[in-house]
């Protein structure tokens, strides 16, 4: 039985149901495939809007000089790079990811852009973070939570490593709140994204999974409840781009 109390042995991988161990392998294969073109595809898929979503997330994080920050499933390191600038030489940032290929992409980017001295890297599972309780002022996970096998376990793990008063910030695709937006978004997700993935990254299947995983992710209010169940308080969310993306935040008591 997992942390969320379910005794079932299968979990969603997009619209499919697969054994829990199989999802871990399949998600790993997806990111092994897309790692080298991850940033390019993000720009193409979102028409660059993902940069504005991340800038808003940085505002919500409110990271300051000297603070300790953990970026979980940090991928190519966009947030970690900015955190390293904001915490300064007296602060510390850890960029973590469960996927070695993605972590290498992030490490190379941050090194190339001069983020040295206050950044470390960790190959780590969000469900079992290898850090002491109360280590961080801020923990973030951007576009990674929907890929986690046991989301309640991951949220609890991230909450555990927060200092009292620290905040967990989740940036993730969500559910559109504008009625006319949903059908257009569905067409884009299931027709355009896989085609774009095939043409640019040579991998339509991974981007089909991306579209399906977004639809299977909890909606905004459900995720607020999950943050509360993880022991966080003052939980809230901010819709961006009509609810296509949402930023959730909760504080550790």
C-alpha atoms as a PDB file:
ATOM      1  CA  UNK A   1       0.000   0.000   0.000  1.00  0.00           C
ATOM      2  CA  UNK A   2       1.399   3.419  -0.906  1.00  0.00           C
ATOM      3  CA  UNK A   3       1.320   6.612   1.134  1.00  0.00           C
ATOM      4  CA  UNK A   4      -1.982   7.714  -0.373  1.00  0.00           C
ATOM      5  CA  UNK A   5      -3.627   4.583   1.029  1.00  0.00           C
ATOM      6  CA  UNK A   6      -4.201   2.793  -2.265  1.00  0.00           C
ATOM      7  CA  UNK A   7      -3.425  -0.892  -2.441  1.00  0.00           C
ATOM      8  CA  UNK A   8      -3.750  -1.072  -6.222  1.00  0.00           C
ATOM      9  CA  UNK A   9      -0.650  -2.054  -8.126  1.00  0.00           C
ATOM     10  CA  UNK A  10      -1.263   0.002 -11.255  1.00  0.00           C
ATOM     11  CA  UNK A  11      -1.006   3.720 -11.936  1.00  0.00           C
ATOM     12  CA  UNK A  12      -1.678   5.989 -14.885  1.00  0.00           C
ATOM     13  CA  UNK A  13       0.941   6.478 -17.571  1.00  0.00           C
ATOM     14  CA  UNK A  14      -0.903   8.983 -19.685  1.00  0.00           C
ATOM     15  CA  UNK A  15      -4.240   7.322 -20.452  1.00  0.00           C
ATOM     16  CA  UNK A  16      -2.844   3.823 -19.914  1.00  0.00           C
ATOM     17  CA  UNK A  17      -2.769   1.864 -16.679  1.00  0.00           C
ATOM     18  CA  UNK A  18       0.587   0.226 -15.989  1.00  0.00           C
ATOM     19  CA  UNK A  19       2.314  -1.402 -13.004  1.00  0.00           C
ATOM     20  CA  UNK A  20       3.861   1.205 -10.732  1.00  0.00           C
ATOM     21  CA  UNK A  21       7.395  -0.015 -11.427  1.00  0.00           C
ATOM     22  CA  UNK A  22       6.701   0.146 -15.150  1.00  0.00           C
ATOM     23  CA  UNK A  23       5.692   3.818 -14.948  1.00  0.00           C
ATOM     24  CA  UNK A  24       9.034   4.698 -13.408  1.00  0.00           C
ATOM     25  CA  UNK A  25      10.823   3.009 -16.309  1.00  0.00           C
ATOM     26  CA  UNK A  26       8.612   4.554 -18.967  1.00  0.00           C
ATOM     27  CA  UNK A  27       8.892   8.088 -17.592  1.00  0.00           C
ATOM     28  CA  UNK A  28      12.654   7.612 -17.437  1.00  0.00           C
ATOM     29  CA  UNK A  29      12.684   6.559 -21.090  1.00  0.00           C
ATOM     30  CA  UNK A  30      10.638   9.626 -22.068  1.00  0.00           C
ATOM     31  CA  UNK A  31      13.148  12.010 -20.539  1.00  0.00           C
ATOM     32  CA  UNK A  32      16.158  10.072 -21.796  1.00  0.00           C
ATOM     33  CA  UNK A  33      14.672  10.636 -25.251  1.00  0.00           C
ATOM     34  CA  UNK A  34      13.811  14.327 -24.955  1.00  0.00           C
ATOM     35  CA  UNK A  35      16.676  15.620 -22.771  1.00  0.00           C
ATOM     36  CA  UNK A  36      18.893  16.953 -25.560  1.00  0.00           C
ATOM     37  CA  UNK A  37      16.060  18.979 -27.123  1.00  0.00           C
ATOM     38  CA  UNK A  38      14.112  19.745 -23.961  1.00  0.00           C
ATOM     39  CA  UNK A  39      14.692  23.511 -23.958  1.00  0.00           C
ATOM     40  CA  UNK A  40      14.067  23.878 -27.687  1.00  0.00           C
ATOM     41  CA  UNK A  41      10.803  21.960 -27.455  1.00  0.00           C
ATOM     42  CA  UNK A  42       9.666  24.026 -24.469  1.00  0.00           C
ATOM     43  CA  UNK A  43      10.125  27.207 -26.498  1.00  0.00           C
ATOM     44  CA  UNK A  44       8.334  25.774 -29.518  1.00  0.00           C
ATOM     45  CA  UNK A  45       5.456  24.149 -27.631  1.00  0.00           C
ATOM     46  CA  UNK A  46       4.649  27.201 -25.539  1.00  0.00           C
ATOM     47  CA  UNK A  47       5.733  29.847 -28.064  1.00  0.00           C
ATOM     48  CA  UNK A  48       8.135  31.008 -25.360  1.00  0.00           C
ATOM     49  CA  UNK A  49       5.390  31.633 -22.799  1.00  0.00           C
ATOM     50  CA  UNK A  50       6.962  29.117 -20.394  1.00  0.00           C
ATOM     51  CA  UNK A  51       9.515  31.804 -19.583  1.00  0.00           C
ATOM     52  CA  UNK A  52       6.777  34.116 -18.299  1.00  0.00           C
ATOM     53  CA  UNK A  53       5.277  31.249 -16.265  1.00  0.00           C
ATOM     54  CA  UNK A  54       8.667  30.661 -14.657  1.00  0.00           C
ATOM     55  CA  UNK A  55       9.178  34.345 -13.934  1.00  0.00           C
ATOM     56  CA  UNK A  56       5.839  34.437 -12.115  1.00  0.00           C
ATOM     57  CA  UNK A  57       6.871  31.324 -10.194  1.00  0.00           C
ATOM     58  CA  UNK A  58      10.066  33.056  -9.105  1.00  0.00           C
ATOM     59  CA  UNK A  59       7.998  35.946  -7.755  1.00  0.00           C
ATOM     60  CA  UNK A  60       5.816  33.520  -5.782  1.00  0.00           C
ATOM     61  CA  UNK A  61       8.940  31.812  -4.379  1.00  0.00           C
ATOM     62  CA  UNK A  62      10.258  35.163  -3.067  1.00  0.00           C
ATOM     63  CA  UNK A  63      13.755  33.749  -2.610  1.00  0.00           C
ATOM     64  CA  UNK A  64      16.249  36.125  -1.025  1.00  0.00           C
ATOM     65  CA  UNK A  65      19.963  36.426  -0.357  1.00  0.00           C
ATOM     66  CA  UNK A  66      21.462  33.733   1.827  1.00  0.00           C
ATOM     67  CA  UNK A  67      18.575  31.285   1.530  1.00  0.00           C
ATOM     68  CA  UNK A  68      18.671  27.535   0.926  1.00  0.00           C
ATOM     69  CA  UNK A  69      16.678  26.341  -2.112  1.00  0.00           C
ATOM     70  CA  UNK A  70      15.911  22.904  -3.555  1.00  0.00           C
ATOM     71  CA  UNK A  71      14.633  22.586  -7.136  1.00  0.00           C
ATOM     72  CA  UNK A  72      13.116  19.096  -7.466  1.00  0.00           C
ATOM     73  CA  UNK A  73      12.813  17.508 -10.915  1.00  0.00           C
ATOM     74  CA  UNK A  74      14.641  20.637 -12.002  1.00  0.00           C
ATOM     75  CA  UNK A  75      15.359  19.391 -15.484  1.00  0.00           C
ATOM     76  CA  UNK A  76      17.391  21.816 -17.559  1.00  0.00           C
ATOM     77  CA  UNK A  77      17.788  24.210 -14.646  1.00  0.00           C
ATOM     78  CA  UNK A  78      15.881  27.372 -15.605  1.00  0.00           C
ATOM     79  CA  UNK A  79      14.644  28.003 -12.057  1.00  0.00           C
ATOM     80  CA  UNK A  80      17.871  26.871 -10.396  1.00  0.00           C
ATOM     81  CA  UNK A  81      19.888  29.282 -12.527  1.00  0.00           C
ATOM     82  CA  UNK A  82      17.826  32.237 -11.362  1.00  0.00           C
ATOM     83  CA  UNK A  83      17.811  30.998  -7.765  1.00  0.00           C
ATOM     84  CA  UNK A  84      21.613  30.891  -7.782  1.00  0.00           C
ATOM     85  CA  UNK A  85      21.660  34.576  -8.704  1.00  0.00           C
ATOM     86  CA  UNK A  86      19.093  35.538  -6.091  1.00  0.00           C
ATOM     87  CA  UNK A  87      20.546  33.678  -3.094  1.00  0.00           C
ATOM     88  CA  UNK A  88      24.038  35.032  -3.774  1.00  0.00           C
ATOM     89  CA  UNK A  89      27.335  33.718  -2.417  1.00  0.00           C
ATOM     90  CA  UNK A  90      25.936  33.149   1.073  1.00  0.00           C
ATOM     91  CA  UNK A  91      23.021  31.055  -0.177  1.00  0.00           C
ATOM     92  CA  UNK A  92      22.867  27.578  -1.623  1.00  0.00           C
ATOM     93  CA  UNK A  93      20.849  25.913  -4.388  1.00  0.00           C
ATOM     94  CA  UNK A  94      20.492  22.198  -5.114  1.00  0.00           C
ATOM     95  CA  UNK A  95      19.258  21.160  -8.542  1.00  0.00           C
ATOM     96  CA  UNK A  96      17.879  17.629  -8.322  1.00  0.00           C
ATOM     97  CA  UNK A  97      16.343  15.259 -10.827  1.00  0.00           C
ATOM     98  CA  UNK A  98      15.679  11.525 -10.932  1.00  0.00           C
ATOM     99  CA  UNK A  99      16.816  11.383 -14.563  1.00  0.00           C
ATOM    100  CA  UNK A 100      20.578  11.454 -15.146  1.00  0.00           C
ATOM    101  CA  UNK A 101      20.295  12.767 -18.709  1.00  0.00           C
ATOM    102  CA  UNK A 102      18.159  15.727 -17.637  1.00  0.00           C
ATOM    103  CA  UNK A 103      20.448  16.466 -14.679  1.00  0.00           C
ATOM    104  CA  UNK A 104      23.426  16.549 -17.025  1.00  0.00           C
ATOM    105  CA  UNK A 105      21.643  19.035 -19.289  1.00  0.00           C
ATOM    106  CA  UNK A 106      20.924  21.249 -16.287  1.00  0.00           C
ATOM    107  CA  UNK A 107      24.463  21.013 -14.940  1.00  0.00           C
ATOM    108  CA  UNK A 108      25.943  21.951 -18.326  1.00  0.00           C
ATOM    109  CA  UNK A 109      23.611  24.941 -18.687  1.00  0.00           C
ATOM    110  CA  UNK A 110      24.312  26.326 -15.229  1.00  0.00           C
ATOM    111  CA  UNK A 111      28.059  25.815 -15.602  1.00  0.00           C
ATOM    112  CA  UNK A 112      28.084  27.527 -18.997  1.00  0.00           C
ATOM    113  CA  UNK A 113      26.201  30.489 -17.531  1.00  0.00           C
ATOM    114  CA  UNK A 114      28.491  30.931 -14.577  1.00  0.00           C
ATOM    115  CA  UNK A 115      26.365  29.426 -11.802  1.00  0.00           C
ATOM    116  CA  UNK A 116      29.228  27.972  -9.785  1.00  0.00           C
ATOM    117  CA  UNK A 117      30.104  28.097  -6.129  1.00  0.00           C
ATOM    118  CA  UNK A 118      26.584  28.092  -4.699  1.00  0.00           C
ATOM    119  CA  UNK A 119      24.944  25.279  -6.708  1.00  0.00           C
ATOM    120  CA  UNK A 120      25.136  21.526  -6.183  1.00  0.00           C
ATOM    121  CA  UNK A 121      23.473  18.680  -8.069  1.00  0.00           C
ATOM    122  CA  UNK A 122      21.691  15.587  -6.792  1.00  0.00           C
ATOM    123  CA  UNK A 123      20.334  12.542  -8.606  1.00  0.00           C
ATOM    124  CA  UNK A 124      17.288  12.107  -6.382  1.00  0.00           C
ATOM    125  CA  UNK A 125      13.782  10.659  -6.317  1.00  0.00           C
ATOM    126  CA  UNK A 126      11.142  13.232  -5.330  1.00  0.00           C
ATOM    127  CA  UNK A 127       9.326  10.590  -3.294  1.00  0.00           C
ATOM    128  CA  UNK A 128      12.406   9.911  -1.137  1.00  0.00           C
ATOM    129  CA  UNK A 129      14.517  13.051  -1.008  1.00  0.00           C
ATOM    130  CA  UNK A 130      17.926  12.369   0.577  1.00  0.00           C
ATOM    131  CA  UNK A 131      18.066  15.559   2.639  1.00  0.00           C
ATOM    132  CA  UNK A 132      17.638  16.252   6.333  1.00  0.00           C
ATOM    133  CA  UNK A 133      14.344  17.485   7.709  1.00  0.00           C
ATOM    134  CA  UNK A 134      14.103  21.268   7.815  1.00  0.00           C
ATOM    135  CA  UNK A 135      16.928  21.948   5.340  1.00  0.00           C
ATOM    136  CA  UNK A 136      15.397  24.454   2.902  1.00  0.00           C
ATOM    137  CA  UNK A 137      13.691  27.833   2.877  1.00  0.00           C
ATOM    138  CA  UNK A 138      12.031  27.037  -0.442  1.00  0.00           C
ATOM    139  CA  UNK A 139      11.402  23.852  -2.431  1.00  0.00           C
ATOM    140  CA  UNK A 140      10.146  23.998  -6.008  1.00  0.00           C
ATOM    141  CA  UNK A 141       9.001  21.464  -8.573  1.00  0.00           C
ATOM    142  CA  UNK A 142       8.228  22.781 -12.070  1.00  0.00           C
ATOM    143  CA  UNK A 143       6.474  20.590 -14.643  1.00  0.00           C
ATOM    144  CA  UNK A 144       7.585  17.508 -12.747  1.00  0.00           C
ATOM    145  CA  UNK A 145       4.854  16.553 -10.313  1.00  0.00           C
ATOM    146  CA  UNK A 146       2.595  14.984 -12.928  1.00  0.00           C
ATOM    147  CA  UNK A 147       5.372  12.517 -13.791  1.00  0.00           C
ATOM    148  CA  UNK A 148       5.799  11.315 -10.213  1.00  0.00           C
ATOM    149  CA  UNK A 149       4.373   7.869  -9.515  1.00  0.00           C
ATOM    150  CA  UNK A 150       3.191   8.572  -5.948  1.00  0.00           C
ATOM    151  CA  UNK A 151       2.323  12.261  -5.782  1.00  0.00           C
ATOM    152  CA  UNK A 152       1.251  12.297  -2.109  1.00  0.00           C
ATOM    153  CA  UNK A 153       4.563  10.691  -1.136  1.00  0.00           C
ATOM    154  CA  UNK A 154       6.503  13.273  -3.152  1.00  0.00           C
ATOM    155  CA  UNK A 155       4.595  16.192  -1.643  1.00  0.00           C
ATOM    156  CA  UNK A 156       5.178  14.806   1.854  1.00  0.00           C
ATOM    157  CA  UNK A 157       8.874  14.339   1.102  1.00  0.00           C
ATOM    158  CA  UNK A 158       9.213  17.920  -0.128  1.00  0.00           C
ATOM    159  CA  UNK A 159       7.296  19.247   2.879  1.00  0.00           C
ATOM    160  CA  UNK A 160       9.546  17.267   5.225  1.00  0.00           C
ATOM    161  CA  UNK A 161      12.741  18.967   4.037  1.00  0.00           C
ATOM    162  CA  UNK A 162      11.286  22.473   4.413  1.00  0.00           C
ATOM    163  CA  UNK A 163      12.213  24.645   7.357  1.00  0.00           C
ATOM    164  CA  UNK A 164       9.309  25.885   9.511  1.00  0.00           C
ATOM    165  CA  UNK A 165       7.843  28.827   7.597  1.00  0.00           C
ATOM    166  CA  UNK A 166       9.398  27.585   4.364  1.00  0.00           C
ATOM    167  CA  UNK A 167       7.306  27.290   1.215  1.00  0.00           C
ATOM    168  CA  UNK A 168       6.701  24.621  -1.379  1.00  0.00           C
ATOM    169  CA  UNK A 169       5.924  26.001  -4.833  1.00  0.00           C
ATOM    170  CA  UNK A 170       4.546  23.785  -7.606  1.00  0.00           C
ATOM    171  CA  UNK A 171       4.434  24.984 -11.221  1.00  0.00           C
ATOM    172  CA  UNK A 172       2.472  22.545 -13.335  1.00  0.00           C
ATOM    173  CA  UNK A 173       0.104  22.211 -16.271  1.00  0.00           C
ATOM    174  CA  UNK A 174      -3.455  22.267 -15.004  1.00  0.00           C
ATOM    175  CA  UNK A 175      -7.061  22.438 -16.173  1.00  0.00           C
ATOM    176  CA  UNK A 176      -8.303  25.367 -18.295  1.00  0.00           C
ATOM    177  CA  UNK A 177     -10.908  27.522 -16.570  1.00  0.00           C
ATOM    178  CA  UNK A 178     -12.036  29.419 -19.666  1.00  0.00           C
ATOM    179  CA  UNK A 179     -14.791  27.335 -21.364  1.00  0.00           C
ATOM    180  CA  UNK A 180     -13.906  28.173 -24.971  1.00  0.00           C
ATOM    181  CA  UNK A 181     -10.233  27.518 -24.332  1.00  0.00           C
ATOM    182  CA  UNK A 182     -10.578  23.823 -23.527  1.00  0.00           C
ATOM    183  CA  UNK A 183     -11.547  22.480 -27.002  1.00  0.00           C
ATOM    184  CA  UNK A 184      -8.832  24.548 -28.668  1.00  0.00           C
ATOM    185  CA  UNK A 185      -6.318  23.357 -26.090  1.00  0.00           C
ATOM    186  CA  UNK A 186      -7.338  19.741 -26.716  1.00  0.00           C
ATOM    187  CA  UNK A 187      -6.784  20.119 -30.457  1.00  0.00           C
ATOM    188  CA  UNK A 188      -3.388  21.673 -29.864  1.00  0.00           C
ATOM    189  CA  UNK A 189      -2.372  19.046 -27.303  1.00  0.00           C
ATOM    190  CA  UNK A 190      -3.369  15.919 -29.197  1.00  0.00           C
ATOM    191  CA  UNK A 191      -2.764  17.019 -32.793  1.00  0.00           C
ATOM    192  CA  UNK A 192      -0.010  19.624 -32.750  1.00  0.00           C
ATOM    193  CA  UNK A 193       2.243  18.484 -29.886  1.00  0.00           C
ATOM    194  CA  UNK A 194       2.928  14.922 -31.112  1.00  0.00           C
ATOM    195  CA  UNK A 195       3.528  16.188 -34.640  1.00  0.00           C
ATOM    196  CA  UNK A 196       5.933  18.829 -33.355  1.00  0.00           C
ATOM    197  CA  UNK A 197       7.685  16.205 -31.256  1.00  0.00           C
ATOM    198  CA  UNK A 198       8.106  13.961 -34.290  1.00  0.00           C
ATOM    199  CA  UNK A 199       9.440  16.744 -36.519  1.00  0.00           C
ATOM    200  CA  UNK A 200      11.812  18.387 -34.038  1.00  0.00           C
ATOM    201  CA  UNK A 201      12.756  15.702 -31.529  1.00  0.00           C
ATOM    202  CA  UNK A 202      12.072  12.612 -33.631  1.00  0.00           C
ATOM    203  CA  UNK A 203       9.737  11.337 -30.917  1.00  0.00           C
ATOM    204  CA  UNK A 204       5.962  11.660 -31.262  1.00  0.00           C
ATOM    205  CA  UNK A 205       5.176   9.148 -28.506  1.00  0.00           C
ATOM    206  CA  UNK A 206       6.824  11.138 -25.710  1.00  0.00           C
ATOM    207  CA  UNK A 207       4.775  14.202 -26.573  1.00  0.00           C
ATOM    208  CA  UNK A 208       1.606  12.143 -26.831  1.00  0.00           C
ATOM    209  CA  UNK A 209       2.382  11.049 -23.264  1.00  0.00           C
ATOM    210  CA  UNK A 210       2.918  14.709 -22.311  1.00  0.00           C
ATOM    211  CA  UNK A 211      -0.569  15.639 -23.495  1.00  0.00           C
ATOM    212  CA  UNK A 212      -2.165  12.645 -21.788  1.00  0.00           C
ATOM    213  CA  UNK A 213      -0.279  13.165 -18.506  1.00  0.00           C
ATOM    214  CA  UNK A 214      -1.542  16.749 -18.313  1.00  0.00           C
ATOM    215  CA  UNK A 215      -5.149  15.552 -18.595  1.00  0.00           C
ATOM    216  CA  UNK A 216      -4.610  12.990 -15.832  1.00  0.00           C
ATOM    217  CA  UNK A 217      -3.049  15.484 -13.405  1.00  0.00           C
ATOM    218  CA  UNK A 218      -5.221  16.669 -10.485  1.00  0.00           C
ATOM    219  CA  UNK A 219      -7.094  19.924 -11.005  1.00  0.00           C
ATOM    220  CA  UNK A 220      -6.280  23.088  -9.096  1.00  0.00           C
ATOM    221  CA  UNK A 221      -8.535  22.561  -6.070  1.00  0.00           C
ATOM    222  CA  UNK A 222      -7.647  18.881  -5.748  1.00  0.00           C
ATOM    223  CA  UNK A 223      -3.960  19.755  -5.648  1.00  0.00           C
ATOM    224  CA  UNK A 224      -4.601  22.337  -2.917  1.00  0.00           C
ATOM    225  CA  UNK A 225      -6.121  19.527  -0.865  1.00  0.00           C
ATOM    226  CA  UNK A 226      -3.089  17.335  -1.520  1.00  0.00           C
ATOM    227  CA  UNK A 227      -0.764  20.094  -0.281  1.00  0.00           C
ATOM    228  CA  UNK A 228      -2.836  20.353   2.876  1.00  0.00           C
ATOM    229  CA  UNK A 229      -2.712  16.583   3.361  1.00  0.00           C
ATOM    230  CA  UNK A 230       1.082  16.827   3.124  1.00  0.00           C
ATOM    231  CA  UNK A 231       0.984  19.056   6.192  1.00  0.00           C
ATOM    232  CA  UNK A 232       1.244  22.474   4.582  1.00  0.00           C
ATOM    233  CA  UNK A 233      -0.889  25.480   5.465  1.00  0.00           C
ATOM    234  CA  UNK A 234      -2.080  28.689   3.775  1.00  0.00           C
ATOM    235  CA  UNK A 235      -2.245  26.713   0.544  1.00  0.00           C
ATOM    236  CA  UNK A 236      -3.293  28.647  -2.545  1.00  0.00           C
ATOM    237  CA  UNK A 237      -2.983  28.630  -6.314  1.00  0.00           C
ATOM    238  CA  UNK A 238      -2.652  31.121  -9.135  1.00  0.00           C
ATOM    239  CA  UNK A 239      -4.037  30.351 -12.600  1.00  0.00           C
ATOM    240  CA  UNK A 240      -1.923  31.392 -15.572  1.00  0.00           C
ATOM    241  CA  UNK A 241      -2.947  31.491 -19.232  1.00  0.00           C
ATOM    242  CA  UNK A 242      -6.572  30.700 -18.447  1.00  0.00           C
ATOM    243  CA  UNK A 243      -5.707  27.760 -16.226  1.00  0.00           C
ATOM    244  CA  UNK A 244      -3.501  25.971 -18.743  1.00  0.00           C
ATOM    245  CA  UNK A 245      -0.847  26.320 -16.061  1.00  0.00           C
ATOM    246  CA  UNK A 246      -1.200  26.891 -12.313  1.00  0.00           C
ATOM    247  CA  UNK A 247       1.247  27.805  -9.576  1.00  0.00           C
ATOM    248  CA  UNK A 248       0.478  26.290  -6.166  1.00  0.00           C
ATOM    249  CA  UNK A 249       2.078  27.387  -2.899  1.00  0.00           C
ATOM    250  CA  UNK A 250       1.927  26.107   0.662  1.00  0.00           C
ATOM    251  CA  UNK A 251       3.859  26.918   3.837  1.00  0.00           C
ATOM    252  CA  UNK A 252       5.272  24.579   6.445  1.00  0.00           C
ATOM    253  CA  UNK A 253       3.907  25.332   9.952  1.00  0.00           C
END
